[in-house]
N, C-alpha and C. Protein backbone atom coordinates (compact mmCIF):
# COMPACT_ATOMS: atom_id res chain seq x y z
N MET A 1 -18.67 66.04 34.60
CA MET A 1 -19.46 65.37 35.69
C MET A 1 -20.50 64.36 35.17
N THR A 2 -20.58 63.20 35.75
CA THR A 2 -21.72 62.37 35.26
C THR A 2 -22.61 62.48 36.72
N TYR A 3 -22.08 62.32 37.95
CA TYR A 3 -23.00 62.41 39.16
C TYR A 3 -22.10 62.87 40.19
N ARG A 4 -22.86 63.22 41.14
CA ARG A 4 -22.12 63.66 42.43
C ARG A 4 -23.18 63.23 43.61
N ILE A 5 -22.67 63.29 44.86
CA ILE A 5 -23.75 62.99 46.25
C ILE A 5 -23.38 64.42 46.87
N ILE A 6 -24.53 64.97 47.32
CA ILE A 6 -24.41 65.93 48.26
C ILE A 6 -25.17 65.54 49.64
N THR A 7 -24.40 65.52 50.64
CA THR A 7 -25.10 64.98 52.02
C THR A 7 -25.67 66.05 52.79
N GLU A 8 -26.73 65.64 53.28
CA GLU A 8 -27.36 66.46 54.30
C GLU A 8 -27.96 67.87 53.65
N VAL A 9 -28.48 67.57 52.59
CA VAL A 9 -29.25 68.85 52.22
C VAL A 9 -30.39 69.18 53.03
N ILE A 10 -31.26 68.69 53.44
CA ILE A 10 -32.29 68.92 54.49
C ILE A 10 -32.26 67.74 55.63
N ASP A 11 -32.57 68.18 56.79
CA ASP A 11 -32.83 67.33 57.94
C ASP A 11 -33.55 66.24 57.90
N HIS A 12 -33.42 65.05 58.88
CA HIS A 12 -34.55 64.03 58.90
C HIS A 12 -35.91 64.56 58.96
N LYS A 13 -36.24 65.40 59.79
CA LYS A 13 -37.34 65.91 60.32
C LYS A 13 -38.22 66.47 59.01
N ARG A 14 -37.40 67.21 58.10
CA ARG A 14 -38.08 67.55 57.02
C ARG A 14 -38.29 66.62 56.00
N SER A 15 -37.28 65.80 55.84
CA SER A 15 -37.49 64.68 54.71
C SER A 15 -38.71 63.75 55.39
N SER A 16 -38.77 63.51 56.44
CA SER A 16 -39.93 62.69 57.03
C SER A 16 -41.42 63.34 56.41
N GLU A 17 -41.49 64.59 56.80
CA GLU A 17 -42.61 65.46 56.33
C GLU A 17 -42.78 65.18 54.98
N LEU A 18 -41.94 65.66 54.32
CA LEU A 18 -42.07 65.35 52.84
C LEU A 18 -42.57 64.08 52.24
N ARG A 19 -41.76 62.86 52.96
CA ARG A 19 -42.31 61.63 52.67
C ARG A 19 -43.75 61.32 53.20
N SER A 20 -44.25 61.86 54.37
CA SER A 20 -45.58 61.81 54.65
C SER A 20 -46.57 62.63 53.63
N TRP A 21 -46.39 63.47 53.29
CA TRP A 21 -46.94 64.36 52.10
C TRP A 21 -47.12 63.62 50.95
N ALA A 22 -46.05 62.94 50.44
CA ALA A 22 -45.85 62.25 49.14
C ALA A 22 -46.65 60.97 49.41
N ARG A 23 -46.69 60.40 50.23
CA ARG A 23 -47.61 59.44 50.30
C ARG A 23 -49.11 59.55 50.32
N ALA A 24 -49.45 60.62 50.60
CA ALA A 24 -50.85 61.14 50.46
C ALA A 24 -51.38 61.66 49.19
N CYS A 25 -50.18 61.70 48.32
CA CYS A 25 -50.68 62.52 46.80
C CYS A 25 -51.27 61.13 45.78
N LEU A 26 -51.89 61.53 44.79
CA LEU A 26 -52.29 60.49 44.09
C LEU A 26 -51.48 60.28 42.79
N PRO A 27 -51.32 59.40 42.14
CA PRO A 27 -50.43 59.07 41.11
C PRO A 27 -50.80 60.11 40.08
N ASP A 28 -49.98 60.80 39.34
CA ASP A 28 -50.23 61.47 38.04
C ASP A 28 -49.87 60.86 36.82
N ARG A 29 -48.80 60.03 36.88
CA ARG A 29 -48.47 59.17 35.81
C ARG A 29 -47.61 58.05 36.16
N GLY A 30 -47.40 57.07 35.62
CA GLY A 30 -46.67 55.82 35.96
C GLY A 30 -46.14 54.87 34.89
N ILE A 31 -45.70 54.01 35.29
CA ILE A 31 -45.15 52.88 34.41
C ILE A 31 -45.79 51.47 35.17
N ALA A 32 -46.82 50.75 34.29
CA ALA A 32 -46.91 49.27 34.88
C ALA A 32 -45.77 48.25 34.68
N SER A 33 -46.37 47.05 35.47
CA SER A 33 -45.22 46.07 35.38
C SER A 33 -44.76 45.60 34.33
N ASP A 34 -45.70 45.72 33.02
CA ASP A 34 -45.53 45.28 31.73
C ASP A 34 -44.84 46.42 30.84
N GLY A 35 -44.39 47.36 31.56
CA GLY A 35 -43.66 48.52 30.82
C GLY A 35 -44.39 49.63 30.38
N ALA A 36 -45.84 49.30 30.31
CA ALA A 36 -46.68 50.31 29.47
C ALA A 36 -46.54 51.65 30.58
N TYR A 37 -46.85 52.80 29.63
CA TYR A 37 -47.01 54.18 30.35
C TYR A 37 -48.35 54.39 30.72
N TRP A 38 -48.87 55.19 31.52
CA TRP A 38 -50.06 55.55 31.83
C TRP A 38 -49.97 57.03 32.57
N HIS A 39 -50.87 57.80 32.09
CA HIS A 39 -51.14 59.05 32.47
C HIS A 39 -52.64 59.58 32.96
N ALA A 40 -52.72 60.15 34.18
CA ALA A 40 -54.26 60.17 34.63
C ALA A 40 -54.82 60.81 33.75
N LEU A 41 -54.41 61.92 32.69
CA LEU A 41 -55.30 62.53 31.80
C LEU A 41 -55.66 61.96 30.65
N SER A 42 -55.33 60.43 30.54
CA SER A 42 -55.36 59.67 29.19
C SER A 42 -56.94 59.22 29.34
N GLY A 43 -57.51 59.18 30.59
CA GLY A 43 -58.86 58.46 30.60
C GLY A 43 -58.95 56.85 30.65
N VAL A 44 -57.70 56.40 30.71
CA VAL A 44 -57.61 54.91 30.88
C VAL A 44 -57.58 54.90 32.50
N GLU A 45 -58.16 53.87 32.80
CA GLU A 45 -58.17 53.19 34.39
C GLU A 45 -56.65 53.04 34.71
N GLN A 46 -56.43 53.52 35.87
CA GLN A 46 -54.91 53.47 36.50
C GLN A 46 -54.70 51.76 36.69
N PRO A 47 -53.91 51.29 35.93
CA PRO A 47 -53.31 49.94 36.38
C PRO A 47 -52.49 49.81 37.53
N GLU A 48 -51.99 48.69 37.92
CA GLU A 48 -51.05 48.42 38.87
C GLU A 48 -49.80 48.92 38.67
N LEU A 49 -49.01 50.05 39.24
CA LEU A 49 -47.98 50.66 38.99
C LEU A 49 -46.96 50.21 39.64
N ASP A 50 -45.54 49.90 38.92
CA ASP A 50 -44.50 49.74 39.33
C ASP A 50 -43.61 50.73 39.91
N ILE A 51 -43.97 51.76 38.97
CA ILE A 51 -43.15 53.14 39.37
C ILE A 51 -44.15 54.24 39.16
N TRP A 52 -44.14 55.21 39.82
CA TRP A 52 -45.23 56.25 39.59
C TRP A 52 -44.91 57.75 40.10
N TRP A 53 -45.28 58.84 39.60
CA TRP A 53 -44.87 60.09 39.86
C TRP A 53 -46.21 60.88 40.48
N ALA A 54 -45.94 61.63 41.53
CA ALA A 54 -47.06 62.22 42.06
C ALA A 54 -46.74 63.85 42.49
N ARG A 55 -47.71 64.71 42.29
CA ARG A 55 -47.26 65.90 42.70
C ARG A 55 -48.63 66.92 43.49
N ASP A 56 -48.46 67.54 44.32
CA ASP A 56 -49.49 68.59 44.83
C ASP A 56 -48.84 69.82 44.95
N GLU A 57 -49.20 70.77 44.07
CA GLU A 57 -48.84 72.04 43.89
C GLU A 57 -49.15 72.84 45.07
N SER A 58 -49.98 72.44 45.93
CA SER A 58 -50.27 73.35 46.98
C SER A 58 -49.28 72.96 48.19
N LEU A 59 -48.63 71.97 48.24
CA LEU A 59 -47.49 71.71 49.32
C LEU A 59 -46.48 72.59 49.18
N PHE A 60 -46.00 73.10 50.62
CA PHE A 60 -45.01 73.99 50.60
C PHE A 60 -43.51 73.31 50.49
N VAL A 61 -42.81 73.42 49.22
CA VAL A 61 -41.63 72.83 49.25
C VAL A 61 -40.58 73.98 48.65
N GLU A 62 -40.95 75.27 48.99
CA GLU A 62 -39.99 76.27 48.26
C GLU A 62 -38.58 76.21 48.94
N ASP A 63 -38.65 75.90 50.29
CA ASP A 63 -37.37 75.71 50.98
C ASP A 63 -36.44 74.86 50.39
N VAL A 64 -37.12 73.52 49.98
CA VAL A 64 -36.29 72.68 49.52
C VAL A 64 -35.90 73.01 48.10
N LEU A 65 -36.62 73.29 47.24
CA LEU A 65 -36.12 73.99 46.12
C LEU A 65 -35.04 75.16 46.20
N ASP A 66 -35.36 75.70 47.04
CA ASP A 66 -34.18 76.81 47.21
C ASP A 66 -32.72 76.28 47.63
N ARG A 67 -32.75 75.29 48.33
CA ARG A 67 -31.55 74.64 48.63
C ARG A 67 -30.90 73.87 47.76
N ILE A 68 -31.94 73.21 46.70
CA ILE A 68 -31.28 72.34 45.63
C ILE A 68 -30.59 73.22 44.52
N ALA A 69 -31.56 74.43 44.30
CA ALA A 69 -31.08 75.51 43.53
C ALA A 69 -29.92 76.12 43.75
N LYS A 70 -29.33 76.00 44.71
CA LYS A 70 -28.03 76.40 45.17
C LYS A 70 -26.89 75.23 44.71
N LEU A 71 -27.25 74.02 44.20
CA LEU A 71 -26.49 73.12 43.93
C LEU A 71 -26.06 72.89 42.54
N ARG A 72 -26.87 73.60 41.63
CA ARG A 72 -26.57 73.60 40.42
C ARG A 72 -24.90 74.07 40.01
N HIS A 73 -24.85 73.21 38.73
CA HIS A 73 -23.42 73.60 38.14
C HIS A 73 -23.48 74.55 37.54
N ASN A 74 -24.74 74.89 36.60
CA ASN A 74 -24.98 76.27 35.95
C ASN A 74 -26.20 76.89 36.52
N PRO A 75 -25.81 77.80 37.17
CA PRO A 75 -27.00 78.82 37.70
C PRO A 75 -27.95 79.33 36.90
N SER A 76 -27.52 79.46 35.63
CA SER A 76 -28.65 80.12 34.78
C SER A 76 -29.74 79.06 34.31
N LEU A 77 -29.45 77.88 34.73
CA LEU A 77 -30.77 76.87 34.48
C LEU A 77 -31.77 77.31 35.20
N ARG A 78 -33.09 77.15 34.67
CA ARG A 78 -34.44 77.22 35.21
C ARG A 78 -35.25 76.09 35.87
N LEU A 79 -35.70 76.32 36.78
CA LEU A 79 -36.62 75.26 37.55
C LEU A 79 -37.65 74.90 36.56
N TYR A 80 -37.77 73.32 36.19
CA TYR A 80 -38.61 73.10 35.05
C TYR A 80 -39.63 72.24 35.65
N GLY A 81 -39.39 71.45 36.87
CA GLY A 81 -40.60 70.91 37.49
C GLY A 81 -39.94 70.00 38.51
N TRP A 82 -40.81 69.54 39.69
CA TRP A 82 -40.57 68.50 40.58
C TRP A 82 -41.52 67.54 40.41
N ASP A 83 -41.39 66.45 41.16
CA ASP A 83 -42.06 65.16 41.43
C ASP A 83 -41.84 64.21 42.71
N PHE A 84 -42.90 63.79 43.35
CA PHE A 84 -42.39 62.75 44.22
C PHE A 84 -42.48 61.57 43.31
N VAL A 85 -41.40 60.53 43.40
CA VAL A 85 -41.37 59.69 42.61
C VAL A 85 -41.31 58.22 43.57
N PHE A 86 -42.13 57.12 43.15
CA PHE A 86 -42.39 56.00 43.93
C PHE A 86 -41.82 54.89 43.24
N ALA A 87 -41.21 54.01 43.99
CA ALA A 87 -40.80 52.50 43.30
C ALA A 87 -41.86 51.56 44.10
N ALA A 88 -42.49 50.96 43.79
CA ALA A 88 -43.53 50.11 44.23
C ALA A 88 -42.74 48.61 45.08
N PRO A 89 -43.37 48.25 46.23
CA PRO A 89 -42.84 46.90 46.58
C PRO A 89 -42.58 45.67 45.62
N PHE A 90 -41.16 45.46 45.63
CA PHE A 90 -40.93 44.27 44.59
C PHE A 90 -41.04 44.73 43.13
N ALA A 91 -41.03 45.98 42.76
CA ALA A 91 -41.05 46.62 41.45
C ALA A 91 -39.74 45.99 40.73
N GLY A 92 -39.71 45.41 39.53
CA GLY A 92 -38.76 45.05 38.94
C GLY A 92 -38.55 45.87 37.51
N VAL A 93 -39.19 46.89 37.35
CA VAL A 93 -38.78 47.75 35.99
C VAL A 93 -37.73 48.13 35.81
N VAL A 94 -36.66 48.11 34.95
CA VAL A 94 -35.39 48.97 34.81
C VAL A 94 -35.50 49.59 33.38
N ASN A 95 -35.60 50.84 33.34
CA ASN A 95 -35.95 51.62 32.07
C ASN A 95 -34.86 52.61 32.09
N PRO A 96 -33.63 51.95 31.55
CA PRO A 96 -32.43 53.15 31.28
C PRO A 96 -33.24 54.21 29.99
N HIS A 97 -32.72 55.59 30.49
CA HIS A 97 -33.08 56.69 29.67
C HIS A 97 -32.59 57.77 29.93
N VAL A 98 -32.70 58.98 29.22
CA VAL A 98 -32.08 60.15 29.36
C VAL A 98 -33.33 61.24 29.74
N ASP A 99 -33.17 62.11 30.52
CA ASP A 99 -34.17 63.18 30.87
C ASP A 99 -34.02 64.58 29.94
N THR A 100 -35.06 65.42 30.36
CA THR A 100 -35.36 66.72 29.86
C THR A 100 -33.90 67.66 29.75
N PRO A 101 -33.54 67.88 28.72
CA PRO A 101 -34.67 67.95 27.43
C PRO A 101 -34.20 67.11 26.54
N TYR A 102 -33.49 65.87 26.78
CA TYR A 102 -32.58 65.06 25.67
C TYR A 102 -33.78 63.97 25.62
N ARG A 103 -34.60 63.90 26.28
CA ARG A 103 -35.64 62.77 26.04
C ARG A 103 -36.69 63.32 24.66
N PHE A 104 -36.34 64.61 24.14
CA PHE A 104 -37.06 65.09 23.10
C PHE A 104 -36.18 65.38 21.82
N THR A 105 -36.71 64.60 20.79
CA THR A 105 -35.97 64.59 19.37
C THR A 105 -35.08 65.51 19.19
N PRO A 106 -35.79 67.00 19.33
CA PRO A 106 -34.82 68.23 18.79
C PRO A 106 -33.41 68.45 19.37
N TRP A 107 -33.42 67.96 20.79
CA TRP A 107 -32.26 67.88 21.58
C TRP A 107 -31.46 66.82 21.75
N GLU A 108 -31.79 65.62 21.42
CA GLU A 108 -31.24 64.17 21.68
C GLU A 108 -29.85 64.29 21.46
N GLY A 109 -29.32 64.89 20.43
CA GLY A 109 -27.98 65.09 20.18
C GLY A 109 -27.24 66.45 20.59
N ALA A 110 -27.81 67.06 21.27
CA ALA A 110 -27.34 68.31 21.84
C ALA A 110 -26.44 68.15 22.71
N ASP A 111 -25.40 69.35 23.04
CA ASP A 111 -24.49 69.11 24.06
C ASP A 111 -25.07 68.86 25.36
N SER A 112 -24.03 68.24 26.38
CA SER A 112 -24.60 68.27 27.84
C SER A 112 -24.51 69.68 28.28
N GLY A 113 -25.23 69.70 29.35
CA GLY A 113 -25.27 71.28 30.16
C GLY A 113 -26.64 71.69 29.85
N LEU A 114 -27.57 71.21 29.17
CA LEU A 114 -28.92 71.86 28.86
C LEU A 114 -29.88 71.23 30.13
N GLY A 115 -29.65 70.62 30.81
CA GLY A 115 -30.43 69.89 31.73
C GLY A 115 -29.63 69.38 33.29
N GLU A 116 -30.18 69.46 34.13
CA GLU A 116 -29.60 68.78 35.44
C GLU A 116 -30.74 68.58 36.24
N GLN A 117 -30.45 67.26 36.70
CA GLN A 117 -31.36 66.58 37.48
C GLN A 117 -31.15 66.41 39.00
N PHE A 118 -31.88 66.28 40.04
CA PHE A 118 -31.63 66.13 41.30
C PHE A 118 -32.62 65.04 41.98
N ILE A 119 -32.08 63.99 42.70
CA ILE A 119 -32.89 63.25 43.42
C ILE A 119 -32.62 63.29 44.87
N LEU A 120 -33.75 63.99 45.63
CA LEU A 120 -33.39 63.93 46.83
C LEU A 120 -34.10 62.76 47.76
N ALA A 121 -33.33 62.20 48.38
CA ALA A 121 -33.53 60.91 49.00
C ALA A 121 -34.56 60.97 50.28
N LEU A 122 -35.76 60.59 50.27
CA LEU A 122 -36.65 60.88 51.40
C LEU A 122 -36.47 59.47 52.45
N GLU A 123 -35.76 58.58 51.87
CA GLU A 123 -35.36 57.53 53.12
C GLU A 123 -33.98 57.27 52.50
N ASP A 124 -33.27 56.42 53.15
CA ASP A 124 -31.93 55.91 52.57
C ASP A 124 -32.11 54.78 51.57
N LEU A 125 -31.48 55.22 50.22
CA LEU A 125 -31.42 54.55 49.19
C LEU A 125 -30.17 53.69 49.00
N ASP A 126 -30.52 52.52 48.66
CA ASP A 126 -29.36 51.28 48.28
C ASP A 126 -29.86 50.50 47.13
N GLU A 127 -28.90 49.43 47.01
CA GLU A 127 -29.18 48.47 45.83
C GLU A 127 -30.39 47.47 46.28
N PHE A 128 -31.09 47.57 47.56
CA PHE A 128 -32.20 46.73 47.60
C PHE A 128 -33.24 47.43 47.35
N ASN A 129 -33.23 48.78 47.46
CA ASN A 129 -34.83 49.25 47.27
C ASN A 129 -34.98 49.94 46.51
N GLY A 130 -33.95 50.29 45.22
CA GLY A 130 -34.22 51.06 44.04
C GLY A 130 -33.51 52.22 43.80
N ALA A 131 -32.41 52.44 44.45
CA ALA A 131 -31.61 53.51 44.24
C ALA A 131 -31.30 53.73 42.66
N THR A 132 -31.20 54.88 42.36
CA THR A 132 -31.00 55.24 40.73
C THR A 132 -29.60 54.55 40.25
N GLY A 133 -29.51 53.71 39.17
CA GLY A 133 -28.72 53.38 38.44
C GLY A 133 -28.13 54.40 37.55
N ILE A 134 -26.84 54.55 37.25
CA ILE A 134 -26.35 55.29 36.23
C ILE A 134 -25.08 55.08 35.74
N VAL A 135 -24.93 55.31 34.41
CA VAL A 135 -23.50 54.91 33.66
C VAL A 135 -22.49 55.83 33.76
N PRO A 136 -21.69 55.90 34.39
CA PRO A 136 -20.35 56.81 34.32
C PRO A 136 -20.08 57.60 32.78
N ASN A 137 -19.96 58.71 32.93
CA ASN A 137 -19.45 59.24 31.36
C ASN A 137 -20.53 59.02 30.24
N SER A 138 -21.87 58.61 30.49
CA SER A 138 -22.54 58.27 29.48
C SER A 138 -23.18 59.73 28.96
N GLN A 139 -22.98 60.82 29.70
CA GLN A 139 -23.50 62.08 29.04
C GLN A 139 -22.77 62.65 28.11
N GLN A 140 -21.65 61.87 27.65
CA GLN A 140 -20.71 62.20 26.53
C GLN A 140 -21.50 61.71 25.14
N TYR A 141 -22.38 60.94 25.25
CA TYR A 141 -22.99 60.34 24.26
C TYR A 141 -24.50 60.46 24.03
N THR A 142 -24.87 60.11 22.69
CA THR A 142 -26.25 60.46 22.29
C THR A 142 -27.03 59.09 22.49
N TRP A 143 -28.22 59.16 23.36
CA TRP A 143 -29.12 58.16 23.61
C TRP A 143 -30.41 58.46 23.05
N PRO A 144 -30.72 58.05 22.07
CA PRO A 144 -32.20 58.62 21.53
C PRO A 144 -33.25 57.77 22.13
N ILE A 145 -34.29 58.57 22.46
CA ILE A 145 -35.49 57.97 23.70
C ILE A 145 -35.90 57.06 22.91
N ASP A 146 -36.28 56.95 21.81
CA ASP A 146 -36.78 55.64 21.08
C ASP A 146 -36.24 54.50 21.18
N GLN A 147 -34.98 54.49 21.31
CA GLN A 147 -34.24 53.32 21.41
C GLN A 147 -34.11 53.07 23.09
N CYS A 148 -34.04 54.17 23.87
CA CYS A 148 -34.26 53.59 25.37
C CYS A 148 -35.48 53.16 25.79
N TYR A 149 -36.44 53.48 25.22
CA TYR A 149 -37.78 53.06 25.38
C TYR A 149 -38.00 51.52 24.70
N SER A 150 -37.17 51.20 23.78
CA SER A 150 -37.36 49.78 23.17
C SER A 150 -36.57 49.05 23.90
N GLY A 151 -35.81 49.28 24.64
CA GLY A 151 -34.89 48.40 25.59
C GLY A 151 -33.59 48.25 24.81
N ALA A 152 -33.23 48.80 23.66
CA ALA A 152 -31.94 49.00 23.03
C ALA A 152 -30.67 48.74 23.76
N TYR A 153 -30.87 49.66 25.00
CA TYR A 153 -29.62 49.93 26.04
C TYR A 153 -29.53 48.89 27.09
N ASN A 154 -30.60 48.16 27.35
CA ASN A 154 -30.89 47.51 28.66
C ASN A 154 -29.61 46.82 29.01
N GLU A 155 -29.19 46.07 28.16
CA GLU A 155 -28.16 45.31 28.26
C GLU A 155 -26.69 46.05 28.55
N PHE A 156 -26.52 46.83 27.72
CA PHE A 156 -25.15 47.79 28.28
C PHE A 156 -25.46 48.45 29.15
N PHE A 157 -26.61 48.95 29.84
CA PHE A 157 -26.93 49.51 31.07
C PHE A 157 -26.49 48.49 32.21
N SER A 158 -27.23 47.49 32.57
CA SER A 158 -26.82 46.48 33.15
C SER A 158 -25.51 46.35 33.33
N ALA A 159 -24.87 46.14 32.58
CA ALA A 159 -23.19 45.68 32.61
C ALA A 159 -22.42 47.05 32.99
N ASN A 160 -22.98 48.19 32.99
CA ASN A 160 -22.00 49.12 32.95
C ASN A 160 -22.58 50.42 34.08
N CYS A 161 -23.83 50.24 34.64
CA CYS A 161 -24.31 51.19 35.58
C CYS A 161 -23.83 50.94 37.17
N GLU A 162 -23.66 52.25 37.70
CA GLU A 162 -23.16 52.27 39.15
C GLU A 162 -24.50 52.49 39.80
N GLN A 163 -24.70 52.04 41.13
CA GLN A 163 -25.88 52.36 41.94
C GLN A 163 -25.42 53.18 43.24
N PRO A 164 -25.05 54.35 43.42
CA PRO A 164 -24.47 54.85 44.59
C PRO A 164 -25.56 54.97 45.44
N ARG A 165 -25.36 54.87 46.78
CA ARG A 165 -26.05 54.82 47.86
C ARG A 165 -26.15 56.02 48.31
N VAL A 166 -27.38 56.62 48.62
CA VAL A 166 -27.53 58.07 49.15
C VAL A 166 -28.75 57.96 50.36
N SER A 167 -28.12 58.67 51.47
CA SER A 167 -28.57 58.64 52.64
C SER A 167 -29.90 59.80 52.80
N GLU A 168 -30.83 59.19 53.28
CA GLU A 168 -32.02 60.24 53.74
C GLU A 168 -31.64 61.54 53.77
N GLY A 169 -32.20 62.68 53.16
CA GLY A 169 -31.89 64.21 53.10
C GLY A 169 -30.88 64.42 52.16
N SER A 170 -30.02 63.45 51.59
CA SER A 170 -28.98 63.67 50.75
C SER A 170 -29.54 63.84 49.23
N VAL A 171 -28.75 64.31 48.43
CA VAL A 171 -29.05 64.39 46.87
C VAL A 171 -28.07 63.77 46.07
N LEU A 172 -28.63 63.22 44.99
CA LEU A 172 -27.81 62.73 43.95
C LEU A 172 -28.20 63.70 42.78
N HIS A 173 -27.09 64.13 42.26
CA HIS A 173 -27.01 65.25 41.10
C HIS A 173 -26.20 64.65 40.03
N TYR A 174 -27.07 64.79 38.78
CA TYR A 174 -26.53 64.30 37.43
C TYR A 174 -27.07 64.89 36.43
N ASP A 175 -25.94 65.07 35.20
CA ASP A 175 -26.35 65.91 34.07
C ASP A 175 -27.73 64.85 33.42
N SER A 176 -28.64 65.69 32.85
CA SER A 176 -29.76 64.93 32.37
C SER A 176 -29.43 64.18 31.11
N ARG A 177 -28.35 64.33 30.40
CA ARG A 177 -27.94 63.53 29.24
C ARG A 177 -27.58 62.25 29.62
N ALA A 178 -27.23 61.92 30.79
CA ALA A 178 -26.56 60.74 31.35
C ALA A 178 -27.72 59.45 31.42
N LEU A 179 -27.40 58.41 30.81
CA LEU A 179 -28.26 57.23 30.96
C LEU A 179 -28.27 56.74 32.36
N HIS A 180 -29.73 56.64 32.93
CA HIS A 180 -29.93 56.29 34.35
C HIS A 180 -31.30 55.54 34.18
N SER A 181 -31.52 55.13 35.50
CA SER A 181 -32.65 54.38 35.59
C SER A 181 -32.99 54.16 37.26
N THR A 182 -34.38 54.08 37.41
CA THR A 182 -34.67 53.45 38.97
C THR A 182 -34.38 52.00 38.54
N MET A 183 -33.96 51.67 39.88
CA MET A 183 -33.50 49.97 39.83
C MET A 183 -34.55 49.20 40.67
N PRO A 184 -34.60 48.04 40.41
CA PRO A 184 -35.64 47.08 41.24
C PRO A 184 -35.72 47.36 42.96
N ASN A 185 -36.88 47.46 43.18
CA ASN A 185 -37.15 47.72 44.67
C ASN A 185 -37.37 46.18 45.23
N MET A 186 -36.36 45.74 45.78
CA MET A 186 -36.60 44.16 46.42
C MET A 186 -37.24 44.21 47.85
N THR A 187 -37.67 45.19 48.23
CA THR A 187 -38.11 45.30 49.48
C THR A 187 -39.81 45.28 49.49
N GLN A 188 -40.28 45.25 50.60
CA GLN A 188 -41.93 45.00 50.85
C GLN A 188 -42.51 46.46 50.98
N ASN A 189 -41.58 47.46 51.34
CA ASN A 189 -41.97 48.78 50.99
C ASN A 189 -41.99 49.77 49.95
N SER A 190 -42.89 50.68 49.43
CA SER A 190 -42.66 51.36 48.57
C SER A 190 -41.30 52.37 49.03
N ARG A 191 -40.71 52.94 47.78
CA ARG A 191 -39.58 53.68 48.05
C ARG A 191 -39.90 55.16 47.48
N ALA A 192 -39.67 56.12 48.17
CA ALA A 192 -39.89 57.47 47.68
C ALA A 192 -38.78 58.51 47.77
N VAL A 193 -38.96 59.17 46.32
CA VAL A 193 -37.78 60.36 46.42
C VAL A 193 -38.61 61.54 45.90
N MET A 194 -37.84 62.71 45.99
CA MET A 194 -38.14 63.91 45.34
C MET A 194 -37.31 64.13 44.04
N VAL A 195 -37.89 64.23 42.88
CA VAL A 195 -37.07 64.61 41.74
C VAL A 195 -37.19 66.04 41.39
N VAL A 196 -36.32 66.74 41.07
CA VAL A 196 -36.16 68.14 40.42
C VAL A 196 -35.25 68.21 39.59
N ASN A 197 -35.93 68.89 38.57
CA ASN A 197 -35.25 69.01 37.14
C ASN A 197 -35.11 70.61 36.87
N TYR A 198 -34.00 71.05 36.16
CA TYR A 198 -33.47 72.19 35.73
C TYR A 198 -33.36 72.14 34.16
N VAL A 199 -33.69 73.08 33.40
CA VAL A 199 -33.55 73.13 32.04
C VAL A 199 -32.97 74.39 31.38
N CYS A 200 -32.03 74.51 30.57
CA CYS A 200 -31.62 75.72 30.24
C CYS A 200 -32.75 76.90 29.42
N ASP A 201 -32.60 77.91 29.97
CA ASP A 201 -33.72 79.13 29.80
C ASP A 201 -33.87 79.27 28.11
N SER A 202 -32.66 78.87 27.33
CA SER A 202 -33.06 79.12 26.07
C SER A 202 -33.78 77.99 25.41
N VAL A 203 -33.92 77.10 25.83
CA VAL A 203 -34.92 76.01 25.25
C VAL A 203 -36.36 75.60 26.23
N PHE A 204 -36.14 76.32 27.09
CA PHE A 204 -37.15 75.98 28.16
C PHE A 204 -38.61 75.82 27.39
N ASP A 205 -39.12 77.03 26.98
CA ASP A 205 -40.26 77.24 26.30
C ASP A 205 -40.93 76.36 25.21
N GLU A 206 -39.57 75.90 24.55
CA GLU A 206 -39.68 74.95 23.41
C GLU A 206 -40.06 73.44 23.94
N VAL A 207 -39.38 73.46 24.85
CA VAL A 207 -39.51 71.89 25.54
C VAL A 207 -40.91 71.50 26.25
N ALA A 208 -41.28 72.93 27.26
CA ALA A 208 -42.55 72.43 27.98
C ALA A 208 -43.67 72.53 26.90
N ALA A 209 -43.61 72.90 25.54
CA ALA A 209 -44.54 72.87 24.58
C ALA A 209 -44.81 71.41 24.23
N LEU A 210 -43.77 70.78 24.30
CA LEU A 210 -43.84 69.26 23.84
C LEU A 210 -43.97 68.22 24.92
N ASP A 211 -43.93 68.68 25.98
CA ASP A 211 -43.94 67.82 27.26
C ASP A 211 -45.53 67.49 27.89
N GLU A 212 -46.29 66.29 27.45
CA GLU A 212 -47.38 65.77 27.89
C GLU A 212 -47.25 65.72 29.27
N SER A 213 -46.26 65.37 30.36
CA SER A 213 -46.18 65.45 31.58
C SER A 213 -46.55 66.47 32.15
N ARG A 214 -46.59 67.80 31.42
CA ARG A 214 -46.84 69.30 32.30
C ARG A 214 -48.30 69.54 31.97
N GLY A 215 -49.06 68.79 31.29
CA GLY A 215 -50.63 68.96 30.87
C GLY A 215 -51.34 68.93 32.12
């Protein structure tokens, strides 16, 4: 499996509530239009961000996490974390990459199945507002994160990615080893999703110790 879409995981009333909550959260980290990475703990003033992550641990999202947990291919995977993720209006950043744990060097060549990712659409996602692009079957290959961040795969990604539409309340589910990216948001409104990550219990603690985003 590279990816699948599961429809109507939550209803529109709940997705609207989550979207409102998300818009009230301050950015935790993000990517500026020049590709520079920013983290709130860095002490650097927040730049204008094209993509940003936000989270409020006090929010009640357990019902959503419970629903998503039932969608895992590997039920032994453990919840690693969740974030609201925004694409700014007219943001053009495309940054193909892999996700946890494969974005860390010790696991960049490990077999697929150590991580799964879910993108819950808090509004309809399409090719105009930055729906995730993903390369079919790319979970079968190794994508070193340094090469991802240097732009080495940008041309390949643009030529081979698919950008599935996901309706509000539905979920895009994929292997964390697959090459994927937020795509340009060509609308005048910021685009919001909720991203949920699961990681194999056998590597969970080691991965968390290396992950600055959990600081």
